[in-house]
C-alpha atoms as a PDB file:
ATOM      1  CA  MET A   1      52.870 179.761-102.871  1.00  0.00           C
ATOM      2  CA  PRO A   2      56.071 181.384-104.232  1.00  0.00           C
ATOM      3  CA  LYS A   3      56.488 185.074-103.647  1.00  0.00           C
ATOM      4  CA  THR A   4      56.595 187.135-106.837  1.00  0.00           C
ATOM      5  CA  LYS A   5      59.595 189.376-107.204  1.00  0.00           C
ATOM      6  CA  THR A   6      58.865 193.088-107.216  1.00  0.00           C
ATOM      7  CA  LEU A   7      60.420 194.912-110.136  1.00  0.00           C
ATOM      8  CA  PRO A   8      62.527 197.969-109.419  1.00  0.00           C
ATOM      9  CA  THR A   9      61.474 201.335-110.746  1.00  0.00           C
ATOM     10  CA  LEU A  10      63.399 202.615-113.759  1.00  0.00           C
ATOM     11  CA  ASP A  11      65.439 204.947-111.547  1.00  0.00           C
ATOM     12  CA  GLU A  12      66.169 202.177-109.024  1.00  0.00           C
ATOM     13  CA  PHE A  13      67.225 199.835-111.807  1.00  0.00           C
ATOM     14  CA  LEU A  14      69.642 202.336-113.357  1.00  0.00           C
ATOM     15  CA  ALA A  15      70.992 203.412-109.949  1.00  0.00           C
ATOM     16  CA  GLY A  16      71.686 199.757-109.075  1.00  0.00           C
ATOM     17  CA  LEU A  17      74.011 199.228-112.048  1.00  0.00           C
ATOM     18  CA  PRO A  18      77.792 199.717-111.784  1.00  0.00           C
ATOM     19  CA  ALA A  19      78.784 203.205-113.023  1.00  0.00           C
ATOM     20  CA  ASP A  20      80.137 202.129-116.433  1.00  0.00           C
ATOM     21  CA  ARG A  21      77.094 199.950-117.167  1.00  0.00           C
ATOM     22  CA  ARG A  22      74.753 202.667-115.880  1.00  0.00           C
ATOM     23  CA  ASP A  23      76.366 205.177-118.273  1.00  0.00           C
ATOM     24  CA  THR A  24      75.798 202.920-121.288  1.00  0.00           C
ATOM     25  CA  MET A  25      72.244 202.050-120.304  1.00  0.00           C
ATOM     26  CA  THR A  26      71.407 205.697-119.576  1.00  0.00           C
ATOM     27  CA  THR A  27      72.836 206.844-122.917  1.00  0.00           C
ATOM     28  CA  VAL A  28      70.802 204.317-124.905  1.00  0.00           C
ATOM     29  CA  HIS A  29      67.693 204.932-122.765  1.00  0.00           C
ATOM     30  CA  GLN A  30      67.926 208.687-123.359  1.00  0.00           C
ATOM     31  CA  ALA A  31      68.425 208.135-127.104  1.00  0.00           C
ATOM     32  CA  ILE A  32      65.284 205.969-127.221  1.00  0.00           C
ATOM     33  CA  ARG A  33      63.266 208.541-125.255  1.00  0.00           C
ATOM     34  CA  LYS A  34      64.431 211.282-127.620  1.00  0.00           C
ATOM     35  CA  VAL A  35      63.392 209.501-130.841  1.00  0.00           C
ATOM     36  CA  VAL A  36      60.144 207.895-129.581  1.00  0.00           C
ATOM     37  CA  PRO A  37      58.909 210.077-126.700  1.00  0.00           C
ATOM     38  CA  LYS A  38      55.367 208.658-126.981  1.00  0.00           C
ATOM     39  CA  LEU A  39      56.550 205.147-126.037  1.00  0.00           C
ATOM     40  CA  ALA A  40      56.443 205.314-122.247  1.00  0.00           C
ATOM     41  CA  PRO A  41      59.144 203.234-120.524  1.00  0.00           C
ATOM     42  CA  PHE A  42      58.246 200.554-117.981  1.00  0.00           C
ATOM     43  CA  MET A  43      60.115 197.739-116.252  1.00  0.00           C
ATOM     44  CA  MET A  44      59.493 194.141-117.296  1.00  0.00           C
ATOM     45  CA  SER A  45      60.810 190.706-116.413  1.00  0.00           C
ATOM     46  CA  GLY A  46      60.790 187.478-118.337  1.00  0.00           C
ATOM     47  CA  MET A  47      63.632 187.786-120.856  1.00  0.00           C
ATOM     48  CA  GLY A  48      66.368 186.637-118.484  1.00  0.00           C
ATOM     49  CA  PRO A  49      67.467 186.878-114.876  1.00  0.00           C
ATOM     50  CA  ALA A  50      67.550 190.689-114.816  1.00  0.00           C
ATOM     51  CA  PRO A  51      64.660 193.013-115.601  1.00  0.00           C
ATOM     52  CA  LEU A  52      64.673 195.123-118.715  1.00  0.00           C
ATOM     53  CA  ILE A  53      63.443 198.564-119.670  1.00  0.00           C
ATOM     54  CA  ALA A  54      60.537 198.186-122.078  1.00  0.00           C
ATOM     55  CA  TYR A  55      58.994 200.853-124.298  1.00  0.00           C
ATOM     56  CA  GLY A  56      55.547 200.640-125.834  1.00  0.00           C
ATOM     57  CA  LYS A  57      53.206 197.748-125.129  1.00  0.00           C
ATOM     58  CA  TYR A  58      51.159 195.868-127.699  1.00  0.00           C
ATOM     59  CA  ARG A  59      48.926 192.805-127.909  1.00  0.00           C
ATOM     60  CA  TYR A  60      50.086 189.899-130.083  1.00  0.00           C
ATOM     61  CA  LYS A  61      48.657 186.647-131.364  1.00  0.00           C
ATOM     62  CA  SER A  62      51.138 184.118-132.743  1.00  0.00           C
ATOM     63  CA  ALA A  63      50.496 181.592-135.488  1.00  0.00           C
ATOM     64  CA  SER A  64      50.094 178.915-132.798  1.00  0.00           C
ATOM     65  CA  GLY A  65      47.222 180.895-131.288  1.00  0.00           C
ATOM     66  CA  ARG A  66      49.134 182.072-128.227  1.00  0.00           C
ATOM     67  CA  GLU A  67      48.161 185.595-127.151  1.00  0.00           C
ATOM     68  CA  GLY A  68      49.729 188.088-124.803  1.00  0.00           C
ATOM     69  CA  ASP A  69      51.143 191.529-124.216  1.00  0.00           C
ATOM     70  CA  TRP A  70      54.676 192.369-125.265  1.00  0.00           C
ATOM     71  CA  PHE A  71      56.959 195.354-125.658  1.00  0.00           C
ATOM     72  CA  LEU A  72      57.905 197.091-128.893  1.00  0.00           C
ATOM     73  CA  ILE A  73      61.414 198.108-127.754  1.00  0.00           C
ATOM     74  CA  GLY A  74      63.427 196.589-124.894  1.00  0.00           C
ATOM     75  CA  LEU A  75      66.782 197.454-123.350  1.00  0.00           C
ATOM     76  CA  ALA A  76      68.654 195.046-121.086  1.00  0.00           C
ATOM     77  CA  ALA A  77      71.997 194.875-119.327  1.00  0.00           C
ATOM     78  CA  GLY A  78      73.304 191.319-119.272  1.00  0.00           C
ATOM     79  CA  LYS A  79      76.297 189.953-117.393  1.00  0.00           C
ATOM     80  CA  THR A  80      78.749 190.684-120.176  1.00  0.00           C
ATOM     81  CA  GLY A  81      76.959 193.026-122.538  1.00  0.00           C
ATOM     82  CA  TYR A  82      73.750 194.704-123.531  1.00  0.00           C
ATOM     83  CA  ALA A  83      70.725 193.846-125.621  1.00  0.00           C
ATOM     84  CA  LEU A  84      68.476 196.194-127.556  1.00  0.00           C
ATOM     85  CA  HIS A  85      65.299 194.402-128.633  1.00  0.00           C
ATOM     86  CA  ILE A  86      63.250 195.825-131.498  1.00  0.00           C
ATOM     87  CA  CYS A  87      60.272 193.483-131.755  1.00  0.00           C
ATOM     88  CA  VAL A  88      59.089 194.604-135.169  1.00  0.00           C
ATOM     89  CA  GLY A  89      58.676 192.995-138.532  1.00  0.00           C
ATOM     90  CA  ASP A  90      56.568 193.348-141.622  1.00  0.00           C
ATOM     91  CA  LYS A  91      55.964 191.474-144.867  1.00  0.00           C
ATOM     92  CA  ASP A  92      59.691 191.770-145.651  1.00  0.00           C
ATOM     93  CA  GLY A  93      60.836 190.197-142.362  1.00  0.00           C
ATOM     94  CA  TYR A  94      62.267 191.375-139.059  1.00  0.00           C
ATOM     95  CA  LEU A  95      63.541 194.959-138.910  1.00  0.00           C
ATOM     96  CA  VAL A  96      66.768 194.148-137.029  1.00  0.00           C
ATOM     97  CA  GLU A  97      67.598 191.120-139.170  1.00  0.00           C
ATOM     98  CA  ARG A  98      67.163 193.138-142.394  1.00  0.00           C
ATOM     99  CA  ASN A  99      69.381 195.984-141.149  1.00  0.00           C
ATOM    100  CA  ALA A 100      72.069 194.029-139.267  1.00  0.00           C
ATOM    101  CA  ALA A 101      74.931 195.207-141.494  1.00  0.00           C
ATOM    102  CA  LYS A 102      74.278 198.860-140.559  1.00  0.00           C
ATOM    103  CA  LEU A 103      74.355 198.372-136.770  1.00  0.00           C
ATOM    104  CA  GLY A 104      78.087 198.159-136.075  1.00  0.00           C
ATOM    105  CA  GLN A 105      80.215 195.505-134.370  1.00  0.00           C
ATOM    106  CA  VAL A 106      77.235 193.698-132.882  1.00  0.00           C
ATOM    107  CA  LYS A 107      75.578 190.288-132.933  1.00  0.00           C
ATOM    108  CA  THR A 108      72.007 190.262-134.110  1.00  0.00           C
ATOM    109  CA  GLY A 109      69.106 187.877-134.075  1.00  0.00           C
ATOM    110  CA  ARG A 110      65.707 188.377-135.624  1.00  0.00           C
ATOM    111  CA  SER A 111      64.805 191.231-133.308  1.00  0.00           C
ATOM    112  CA  CYS A 112      67.760 191.593-130.948  1.00  0.00           C
ATOM    113  CA  ILE A 113      70.972 193.622-131.121  1.00  0.00           C
ATOM    114  CA  ASN A 114      73.651 192.402-128.701  1.00  0.00           C
ATOM    115  CA  PHE A 115      76.687 194.566-128.038  1.00  0.00           C
ATOM    116  CA  LYS A 116      79.557 194.566-125.532  1.00  0.00           C
ATOM    117  CA  LYS A 117      80.367 198.306-125.512  1.00  0.00           C
ATOM    118  CA  LEU A 118      78.455 201.367-126.613  1.00  0.00           C
ATOM    119  CA  THR A 119      81.217 202.151-129.112  1.00  0.00           C
ATOM    120  CA  ASP A 120      80.447 198.826-130.858  1.00  0.00           C
ATOM    121  CA  LEU A 121      76.871 199.909-131.595  1.00  0.00           C
ATOM    122  CA  ASN A 122      76.014 202.336-134.389  1.00  0.00           C
ATOM    123  CA  LEU A 123      73.599 204.225-132.136  1.00  0.00           C
ATOM    124  CA  ASN A 124      72.277 206.459-134.936  1.00  0.00           C
ATOM    125  CA  ALA A 125      71.391 203.462-137.109  1.00  0.00           C
ATOM    126  CA  ALA A 126      69.766 201.698-134.137  1.00  0.00           C
ATOM    127  CA  MET A 127      67.667 204.769-133.315  1.00  0.00           C
ATOM    128  CA  LYS A 128      66.470 204.945-136.942  1.00  0.00           C
ATOM    129  CA  LEU A 129      65.170 201.395-136.481  1.00  0.00           C
ATOM    130  CA  VAL A 130      63.532 202.392-133.183  1.00  0.00           C
ATOM    131  CA  GLN A 131      61.732 205.225-135.004  1.00  0.00           C
ATOM    132  CA  GLN A 132      60.594 202.839-137.749  1.00  0.00           C
ATOM    133  CA  ALA A 133      59.430 200.381-135.080  1.00  0.00           C
ATOM    134  CA  GLU A 134      57.073 202.929-133.566  1.00  0.00           C
ATOM    135  CA  LYS A 135      55.416 203.405-136.973  1.00  0.00           C
ATOM    136  CA  LEU A 136      55.281 199.721-137.977  1.00  0.00           C
ATOM    137  CA  GLY A 137      54.030 198.177-134.713  1.00  0.00           C
ATOM    138  CA  GLY A 138      54.913 194.876-133.081  1.00  0.00           C
ATOM    139  CA  ILE A 139      55.365 191.372-134.443  1.00  0.00           C
ATOM    140  CA  ASN A 140      52.014 189.568-134.795  1.00  0.00           C
ATOM    141  CA  ALA A 141      50.212 192.593-133.353  1.00  0.00           C
ATOM    142  CA  VAL A 142      46.438 192.432-133.111  1.00  0.00           C
ATOM    143  CA  ALA A 143      44.083 195.364-132.691  1.00  0.00           C
END
């Protein structure tokens, strides 16, 4: 039976990053904590090789019938950049996708903001989306 990998604590994760990457991750993490203090951070795996910092957990049920628990906001440090996930949408579509033009020199997907440097990201605009996300709830959320 394969051994499951133990996730680091938030502090261990941040401490294990190179100084420049730790600074960026810490800045974004602190901004998230400031605007949505009720969304407790926790570590999660499953989005890629490295763990991510997740904020707020919710239950979802997709159109295919698949159910599970997911995070509302996620923050990851990849090999060459960073990803801020805002897993929120409503009748008008995905929050990130609808607001992509306001987020700076970034690449976006439906619910993901990818950026190479903190100066590329319009942090204020991103934090406004994080605040909206807390109010709207997650994609395909079920009570």
